[in-house]
C-alpha atoms as a PDB file:
ATOM      1  CA  MET A   1       0.000   0.000   0.000  1.00  0.00           C
ATOM      2  CA  SER A   2       0.983   3.643  -0.390  1.00  0.00           C
ATOM      3  CA  ARG A   3      -0.137   6.744   1.436  1.00  0.00           C
ATOM      4  CA  GLU A   4      -0.762   8.671  -1.791  1.00  0.00           C
ATOM      5  CA  THR A   5      -0.920   8.232  -5.551  1.00  0.00           C
ATOM      6  CA  GLU A   6       2.371   8.442  -7.425  1.00  0.00           C
ATOM      7  CA  GLY A   7       2.446  11.266  -9.962  1.00  0.00           C
ATOM      8  CA  LEU A   8       2.992  10.229 -13.576  1.00  0.00           C
ATOM      9  CA  ASN A   9       5.917  11.836 -15.339  1.00  0.00           C
ATOM     10  CA  PRO A  10       6.394  10.984 -19.034  1.00  0.00           C
ATOM     11  CA  GLU A  11       8.854   8.167 -18.278  1.00  0.00           C
ATOM     12  CA  LEU A  12       6.588   6.490 -15.732  1.00  0.00           C
ATOM     13  CA  SER A  13       3.576   6.929 -18.016  1.00  0.00           C
ATOM     14  CA  ALA A  14       5.441   5.232 -20.868  1.00  0.00           C
ATOM     15  CA  TYR A  15       6.499   2.427 -18.526  1.00  0.00           C
ATOM     16  CA  MET A  16       2.909   1.939 -17.392  1.00  0.00           C
ATOM     17  CA  LEU A  17       1.620   1.720 -20.961  1.00  0.00           C
ATOM     18  CA  ALA A  18       4.392  -0.702 -21.890  1.00  0.00           C
ATOM     19  CA  HIS A  19       3.302  -2.989 -19.071  1.00  0.00           C
ATOM     20  CA  THR A  20      -0.457  -2.660 -19.605  1.00  0.00           C
ATOM     21  CA  GLY A  21      -2.139  -4.449 -22.405  1.00  0.00           C
ATOM     22  CA  PRO A  22      -1.387  -5.459 -25.012  1.00  0.00           C
ATOM     23  CA  GLU A  23      -3.571  -2.852 -26.700  1.00  0.00           C
ATOM     24  CA  PRO A  24      -5.655  -4.501 -29.453  1.00  0.00           C
ATOM     25  CA  GLU A  25      -4.322  -3.687 -32.917  1.00  0.00           C
ATOM     26  CA  ALA A  26      -7.568  -2.102 -34.122  1.00  0.00           C
ATOM     27  CA  ALA A  27      -7.784   0.006 -30.955  1.00  0.00           C
ATOM     28  CA  ALA A  28      -4.236   1.300 -31.393  1.00  0.00           C
ATOM     29  CA  ALA A  29      -4.966   2.123 -35.037  1.00  0.00           C
ATOM     30  CA  LEU A  30      -8.145   3.995 -34.100  1.00  0.00           C
ATOM     31  CA  ARG A  31      -6.309   5.891 -31.372  1.00  0.00           C
ATOM     32  CA  THR A  32      -3.668   6.954 -33.917  1.00  0.00           C
ATOM     33  CA  ALA A  33      -6.321   8.032 -36.427  1.00  0.00           C
ATOM     34  CA  THR A  34      -8.205   9.986 -33.756  1.00  0.00           C
ATOM     35  CA  ALA A  35      -5.031  11.756 -32.620  1.00  0.00           C
ATOM     36  CA  ARG A  36      -4.848  13.359 -36.073  1.00  0.00           C
ATOM     37  CA  HIS A  37      -8.346  14.821 -35.656  1.00  0.00           C
ATOM     38  CA  PRO A  38      -8.634  18.453 -34.476  1.00  0.00           C
ATOM     39  CA  ASN A  39     -10.640  17.220 -31.455  1.00  0.00           C
ATOM     40  CA  GLY A  40      -8.413  14.206 -30.849  1.00  0.00           C
ATOM     41  CA  GLY A  41      -7.788  15.180 -27.236  1.00  0.00           C
ATOM     42  CA  MET A  42     -11.326  14.055 -26.403  1.00  0.00           C
ATOM     43  CA  GLN A  43     -10.634  10.343 -26.789  1.00  0.00           C
ATOM     44  CA  SER A  44     -10.162   7.928 -23.908  1.00  0.00           C
ATOM     45  CA  SER A  45      -6.651   6.885 -22.927  1.00  0.00           C
ATOM     46  CA  PRO A  46      -5.347   3.346 -23.567  1.00  0.00           C
ATOM     47  CA  GLU A  47      -4.888   2.662 -19.854  1.00  0.00           C
ATOM     48  CA  GLN A  48      -8.517   3.650 -19.294  1.00  0.00           C
ATOM     49  CA  GLY A  49      -9.588   1.217 -22.006  1.00  0.00           C
ATOM     50  CA  ALA A  50      -7.542  -1.535 -20.370  1.00  0.00           C
ATOM     51  CA  LEU A  51      -9.092  -0.841 -16.969  1.00  0.00           C
ATOM     52  CA  ILE A  52     -12.615  -0.940 -18.383  1.00  0.00           C
ATOM     53  CA  ALA A  53     -11.878  -4.258 -20.081  1.00  0.00           C
ATOM     54  CA  VAL A  54     -10.708  -5.725 -16.755  1.00  0.00           C
ATOM     55  CA  LEU A  55     -13.768  -4.402 -14.923  1.00  0.00           C
ATOM     56  CA  LEU A  56     -16.147  -5.781 -17.542  1.00  0.00           C
ATOM     57  CA  GLY A  57     -14.526  -9.192 -17.205  1.00  0.00           C
ATOM     58  CA  MET A  58     -14.912  -9.084 -13.430  1.00  0.00           C
ATOM     59  CA  LEU A  59     -18.575  -8.136 -13.814  1.00  0.00           C
ATOM     60  CA  GLY A  60     -19.249 -10.892 -16.324  1.00  0.00           C
ATOM     61  CA  ALA A  61     -20.933  -8.127 -18.309  1.00  0.00           C
ATOM     62  CA  ARG A  62     -23.127  -8.932 -21.321  1.00  0.00           C
ATOM     63  CA  ASN A  63     -25.114  -5.712 -21.725  1.00  0.00           C
ATOM     64  CA  ALA A  64     -23.307  -2.383 -21.737  1.00  0.00           C
ATOM     65  CA  LEU A  65     -24.263   1.216 -22.338  1.00  0.00           C
ATOM     66  CA  GLU A  66     -22.088   4.107 -23.494  1.00  0.00           C
ATOM     67  CA  ILE A  67     -23.200   7.729 -23.301  1.00  0.00           C
ATOM     68  CA  GLY A  68     -20.933   9.738 -25.575  1.00  0.00           C
ATOM     69  CA  THR A  69     -18.989   7.763 -28.183  1.00  0.00           C
ATOM     70  CA  PHE A  70     -16.865  10.304 -30.116  1.00  0.00           C
ATOM     71  CA  THR A  71     -14.749   8.238 -32.571  1.00  0.00           C
ATOM     72  CA  GLY A  72     -15.476   4.986 -30.771  1.00  0.00           C
ATOM     73  CA  TYR A  73     -12.227   4.026 -29.026  1.00  0.00           C
ATOM     74  CA  SER A  74     -13.866   3.232 -25.680  1.00  0.00           C
ATOM     75  CA  ALA A  75     -16.730   1.520 -27.531  1.00  0.00           C
ATOM     76  CA  LEU A  76     -14.235  -0.710 -29.317  1.00  0.00           C
ATOM     77  CA  ARG A  77     -12.467  -1.634 -26.068  1.00  0.00           C
ATOM     78  CA  THR A  78     -15.801  -2.274 -24.348  1.00  0.00           C
ATOM     79  CA  ALA A  79     -17.220  -4.421 -27.147  1.00  0.00           C
ATOM     80  CA  LEU A  80     -14.038  -6.504 -27.297  1.00  0.00           C
ATOM     81  CA  ALA A  81     -14.414  -7.245 -23.578  1.00  0.00           C
ATOM     82  CA  LEU A  82     -17.997  -8.456 -23.985  1.00  0.00           C
ATOM     83  CA  PRO A  83     -18.829 -12.085 -24.856  1.00  0.00           C
ATOM     84  CA  GLU A  84     -19.846 -13.053 -28.381  1.00  0.00           C
ATOM     85  CA  ASP A  85     -23.515 -12.591 -27.547  1.00  0.00           C
ATOM     86  CA  GLY A  86     -22.891  -9.327 -25.703  1.00  0.00           C
ATOM     87  CA  ARG A  87     -24.208  -5.973 -26.835  1.00  0.00           C
ATOM     88  CA  LEU A  88     -23.195  -2.354 -26.423  1.00  0.00           C
ATOM     89  CA  ILE A  89     -25.676   0.448 -26.978  1.00  0.00           C
ATOM     90  CA  CYS A  90     -23.867   3.690 -27.831  1.00  0.00           C
ATOM     91  CA  CYS A  91     -25.513   7.098 -27.563  1.00  0.00           C
ATOM     92  CA  ASP A  92     -24.193  10.052 -29.542  1.00  0.00           C
ATOM     93  CA  ILE A  93     -25.650  13.119 -31.210  1.00  0.00           C
ATOM     94  CA  SER A  94     -23.731  13.048 -34.484  1.00  0.00           C
ATOM     95  CA  THR A  95     -22.233  10.645 -36.992  1.00  0.00           C
ATOM     96  CA  GLU A  96     -19.414  13.081 -37.782  1.00  0.00           C
ATOM     97  CA  PHE A  97     -17.049  11.440 -35.300  1.00  0.00           C
ATOM     98  CA  THR A  98     -18.520   7.948 -35.050  1.00  0.00           C
ATOM     99  CA  ASP A  99     -18.095   7.421 -38.793  1.00  0.00           C
ATOM    100  CA  LEU A 100     -14.345   7.652 -38.242  1.00  0.00           C
ATOM    101  CA  GLY A 101     -14.444   4.749 -35.813  1.00  0.00           C
ATOM    102  CA  LYS A 102     -16.754   2.373 -37.669  1.00  0.00           C
ATOM    103  CA  PRO A 103     -14.073   0.879 -39.984  1.00  0.00           C
ATOM    104  CA  PHE A 104     -11.986   0.044 -36.917  1.00  0.00           C
ATOM    105  CA  TRP A 105     -14.993  -1.631 -35.270  1.00  0.00           C
ATOM    106  CA  GLN A 106     -15.180  -3.778 -38.405  1.00  0.00           C
ATOM    107  CA  GLN A 107     -11.438  -4.450 -38.278  1.00  0.00           C
ATOM    108  CA  ALA A 108     -11.775  -5.627 -34.675  1.00  0.00           C
ATOM    109  CA  GLY A 109     -14.702  -7.892 -35.565  1.00  0.00           C
ATOM    110  CA  ILE A 110     -17.042  -6.335 -33.019  1.00  0.00           C
ATOM    111  CA  ALA A 111     -19.252  -4.069 -35.151  1.00  0.00           C
ATOM    112  CA  SER A 112     -22.174  -6.494 -34.793  1.00  0.00           C
ATOM    113  CA  LYS A 113     -22.109  -6.043 -31.008  1.00  0.00           C
ATOM    114  CA  ILE A 114     -22.509  -2.249 -31.219  1.00  0.00           C
ATOM    115  CA  ASP A 115     -25.916  -0.608 -31.564  1.00  0.00           C
ATOM    116  CA  LEU A 116     -25.234   3.082 -32.273  1.00  0.00           C
ATOM    117  CA  ARG A 117     -28.193   5.354 -31.541  1.00  0.00           C
ATOM    118  CA  ILE A 118     -27.956   8.899 -32.856  1.00  0.00           C
ATOM    119  CA  GLY A 119     -29.893  11.607 -31.043  1.00  0.00           C
ATOM    120  CA  PRO A 120     -30.011  13.364 -27.685  1.00  0.00           C
ATOM    121  CA  ALA A 121     -28.827  10.815 -25.112  1.00  0.00           C
ATOM    122  CA  VAL A 122     -31.485  11.782 -22.576  1.00  0.00           C
ATOM    123  CA  ASP A 123     -34.172  10.810 -25.084  1.00  0.00           C
ATOM    124  CA  THR A 124     -32.393   7.568 -25.954  1.00  0.00           C
ATOM    125  CA  LEU A 125     -32.022   6.646 -22.281  1.00  0.00           C
ATOM    126  CA  ASP A 126     -35.663   7.421 -21.535  1.00  0.00           C
ATOM    127  CA  ARG A 127     -36.703   5.151 -24.396  1.00  0.00           C
ATOM    128  CA  LEU A 128     -34.429   2.404 -23.061  1.00  0.00           C
ATOM    129  CA  ILE A 129     -36.029   2.705 -19.630  1.00  0.00           C
ATOM    130  CA  ASP A 130     -39.422   2.222 -21.278  1.00  0.00           C
ATOM    131  CA  SER A 131     -38.391  -0.593 -23.639  1.00  0.00           C
ATOM    132  CA  GLU A 132     -35.732  -2.493 -21.680  1.00  0.00           C
ATOM    133  CA  GLY A 133     -36.854  -1.690 -18.155  1.00  0.00           C
ATOM    134  CA  PRO A 134     -34.840  -1.112 -14.991  1.00  0.00           C
ATOM    135  CA  ASP A 135     -31.760  -3.211 -14.159  1.00  0.00           C
ATOM    136  CA  SER A 136     -31.259  -4.278 -17.779  1.00  0.00           C
ATOM    137  CA  PHE A 137     -27.579  -3.333 -18.134  1.00  0.00           C
ATOM    138  CA  ASP A 138     -24.412  -4.476 -16.382  1.00  0.00           C
ATOM    139  CA  PHE A 139     -22.298  -1.421 -17.149  1.00  0.00           C
ATOM    140  CA  ALA A 140     -22.640   2.207 -18.229  1.00  0.00           C
ATOM    141  CA  PHE A 141     -19.870   4.583 -19.306  1.00  0.00           C
ATOM    142  CA  ILE A 142     -20.635   8.314 -19.228  1.00  0.00           C
ATOM    143  CA  ASP A 143     -18.405  10.569 -21.340  1.00  0.00           C
ATOM    144  CA  ALA A 144     -20.561  13.187 -23.031  1.00  0.00           C
ATOM    145  CA  ASP A 145     -21.582  16.834 -22.520  1.00  0.00           C
ATOM    146  CA  LYS A 146     -20.836  17.730 -18.922  1.00  0.00           C
ATOM    147  CA  VAL A 147     -23.858  19.914 -18.187  1.00  0.00           C
ATOM    148  CA  ASN A 148     -26.099  16.878 -18.678  1.00  0.00           C
ATOM    149  CA  TYR A 149     -23.981  14.455 -16.633  1.00  0.00           C
ATOM    150  CA  ASP A 150     -26.405  14.476 -13.705  1.00  0.00           C
ATOM    151  CA  GLY A 151     -29.302  13.477 -15.955  1.00  0.00           C
ATOM    152  CA  TYR A 152     -27.235  10.703 -17.518  1.00  0.00           C
ATOM    153  CA  TYR A 153     -26.165   9.472 -14.085  1.00  0.00           C
ATOM    154  CA  GLU A 154     -29.728   9.338 -12.777  1.00  0.00           C
ATOM    155  CA  ARG A 155     -30.927   7.391 -15.796  1.00  0.00           C
ATOM    156  CA  ALA A 156     -27.954   5.045 -15.592  1.00  0.00           C
ATOM    157  CA  LEU A 157     -28.922   4.319 -11.983  1.00  0.00           C
ATOM    158  CA  VAL A 158     -32.268   3.078 -13.289  1.00  0.00           C
ATOM    159  CA  LEU A 159     -30.849   1.063 -16.163  1.00  0.00           C
ATOM    160  CA  VAL A 160     -27.846  -0.579 -14.458  1.00  0.00           C
ATOM    161  CA  ARG A 161     -28.589  -3.583 -12.246  1.00  0.00           C
ATOM    162  CA  PRO A 162     -27.607  -3.847  -8.593  1.00  0.00           C
ATOM    163  CA  GLY A 163     -23.981  -4.934  -8.534  1.00  0.00           C
ATOM    164  CA  GLY A 164     -23.444  -3.327 -11.934  1.00  0.00           C
ATOM    165  CA  LEU A 165     -21.014  -0.485 -12.572  1.00  0.00           C
ATOM    166  CA  ILE A 166     -21.334   3.113 -13.738  1.00  0.00           C
ATOM    167  CA  ALA A 167     -18.068   4.722 -14.890  1.00  0.00           C
ATOM    168  CA  ILE A 168     -17.989   8.510 -15.234  1.00  0.00           C
ATOM    169  CA  ASP A 169     -15.147  10.128 -17.170  1.00  0.00           C
ATOM    170  CA  ASN A 170     -13.488  13.568 -16.910  1.00  0.00           C
ATOM    171  CA  VAL A 171     -14.344  14.075 -13.247  1.00  0.00           C
ATOM    172  CA  PHE A 172     -11.086  16.042 -12.769  1.00  0.00           C
ATOM    173  CA  TRP A 173     -11.764  18.313 -15.779  1.00  0.00           C
ATOM    174  CA  SER A 174      -8.063  19.131 -16.076  1.00  0.00           C
ATOM    175  CA  GLY A 175      -7.934  19.919 -12.362  1.00  0.00           C
ATOM    176  CA  THR A 176     -10.465  22.758 -12.475  1.00  0.00           C
ATOM    177  CA  VAL A 177     -12.901  20.927 -10.169  1.00  0.00           C
ATOM    178  CA  ALA A 178     -10.446  21.597  -7.330  1.00  0.00           C
ATOM    179  CA  ASP A 179     -10.226  25.318  -8.108  1.00  0.00           C
ATOM    180  CA  PRO A 180     -12.900  27.365  -6.291  1.00  0.00           C
ATOM    181  CA  LYS A 181     -12.366  30.252  -8.717  1.00  0.00           C
ATOM    182  CA  VAL A 182     -13.441  28.225 -11.775  1.00  0.00           C
ATOM    183  CA  ASN A 183     -17.211  27.926 -12.139  1.00  0.00           C
ATOM    184  CA  ASP A 184     -18.040  27.845 -15.829  1.00  0.00           C
ATOM    185  CA  PRO A 185     -21.099  25.666 -16.653  1.00  0.00           C
ATOM    186  CA  ASP A 186     -19.117  22.486 -17.393  1.00  0.00           C
ATOM    187  CA  THR A 187     -16.915  22.759 -14.316  1.00  0.00           C
ATOM    188  CA  ALA A 188     -19.858  23.683 -12.081  1.00  0.00           C
ATOM    189  CA  ALA A 189     -21.815  20.675 -13.333  1.00  0.00           C
ATOM    190  CA  LEU A 190     -18.919  18.336 -12.599  1.00  0.00           C
ATOM    191  CA  LYS A 191     -18.323  19.833  -9.149  1.00  0.00           C
ATOM    192  CA  ALA A 192     -21.993  19.361  -8.301  1.00  0.00           C
ATOM    193  CA  LEU A 193     -22.091  15.769  -9.549  1.00  0.00           C
ATOM    194  CA  ASN A 194     -18.845  14.848  -7.789  1.00  0.00           C
ATOM    195  CA  ALA A 195     -20.279  16.171  -4.522  1.00  0.00           C
ATOM    196  CA  LYS A 196     -23.564  14.370  -5.117  1.00  0.00           C
ATOM    197  CA  ILE A 197     -21.950  11.002  -5.804  1.00  0.00           C
ATOM    198  CA  HIS A 198     -19.678  11.435  -2.780  1.00  0.00           C
ATOM    199  CA  ARG A 199     -22.732  11.355  -0.523  1.00  0.00           C
ATOM    200  CA  ASP A 200     -24.970   9.105  -2.669  1.00  0.00           C
ATOM    201  CA  GLU A 201     -25.959   6.046  -0.647  1.00  0.00           C
ATOM    202  CA  ARG A 202     -27.337   4.343  -3.760  1.00  0.00           C
ATOM    203  CA  VAL A 203     -23.788   3.470  -4.850  1.00  0.00           C
ATOM    204  CA  THR A 204     -20.417   2.382  -3.552  1.00  0.00           C
ATOM    205  CA  ARG A 205     -17.966   4.726  -5.216  1.00  0.00           C
ATOM    206  CA  ALA A 206     -14.332   5.576  -5.804  1.00  0.00           C
ATOM    207  CA  MET A 207     -12.738   8.392  -7.772  1.00  0.00           C
ATOM    208  CA  VAL A 208      -9.493   7.236  -9.375  1.00  0.00           C
ATOM    209  CA  PRO A 209      -6.707   9.287 -11.010  1.00  0.00           C
ATOM    210  CA  ILE A 210      -6.682   7.673 -14.434  1.00  0.00           C
ATOM    211  CA  GLY A 211      -6.942   9.779 -17.589  1.00  0.00           C
ATOM    212  CA  ASP A 212      -8.776  12.972 -16.650  1.00  0.00           C
ATOM    213  CA  GLY A 213     -10.238  11.339 -13.539  1.00  0.00           C
ATOM    214  CA  LEU A 214     -12.687   8.443 -13.491  1.00  0.00           C
ATOM    215  CA  THR A 215     -15.424   7.796 -10.952  1.00  0.00           C
ATOM    216  CA  LEU A 216     -16.469   4.180 -10.487  1.00  0.00           C
ATOM    217  CA  ALA A 217     -19.882   3.718  -8.894  1.00  0.00           C
ATOM    218  CA  VAL A 218     -21.224   0.247  -8.099  1.00  0.00           C
ATOM    219  CA  VAL A 219     -25.026   0.244  -7.871  1.00  0.00           C
ATOM    220  CA  ARG A 220     -26.343  -1.057  -4.556  1.00  0.00           C
END
């Protein structure tokens, strides 16, 4: 055990990545392609993808939900971790970015597991609550517009079964959540949700320093 988390300098980060994995070939190729995009900084990190794959295996997950897909790196890693009869429903508002990822989903052989639903995620989630019912998913990953995170979290709590996992990305927001002087709408929304989850007795939770901060909440 250690009293505090070791900071990652570039050398230690490279060492960590070299000893985590191996990263699937299609995932690495998609990550490289996304890095060339003007908004490439929005994609999930490879160590985050590896962690999610481990967690999905521990859960024995078959049904997963992703809110915010971007170019589909995390979707690819999630779908690869699901069994052959598993499914991943992805929510996004535009095909502009997801179209970049689709060829890599095909390359990885997991495109048939992914059900991409284009439109406002709140609407998609409400329809899933009506059609699938509560407790119908094992896992949900939230990585979309920050001002709507609370709404996504509340709906995920309905859709994810007891013992299932909700993972919430960007909870550090480049460190601004710890700065009392920063209160733009995105940062304020994340501060409020972080405080809410901290005291939420509906989940067992941990905030971990991976990527831009990741909250893991197990539904009770």
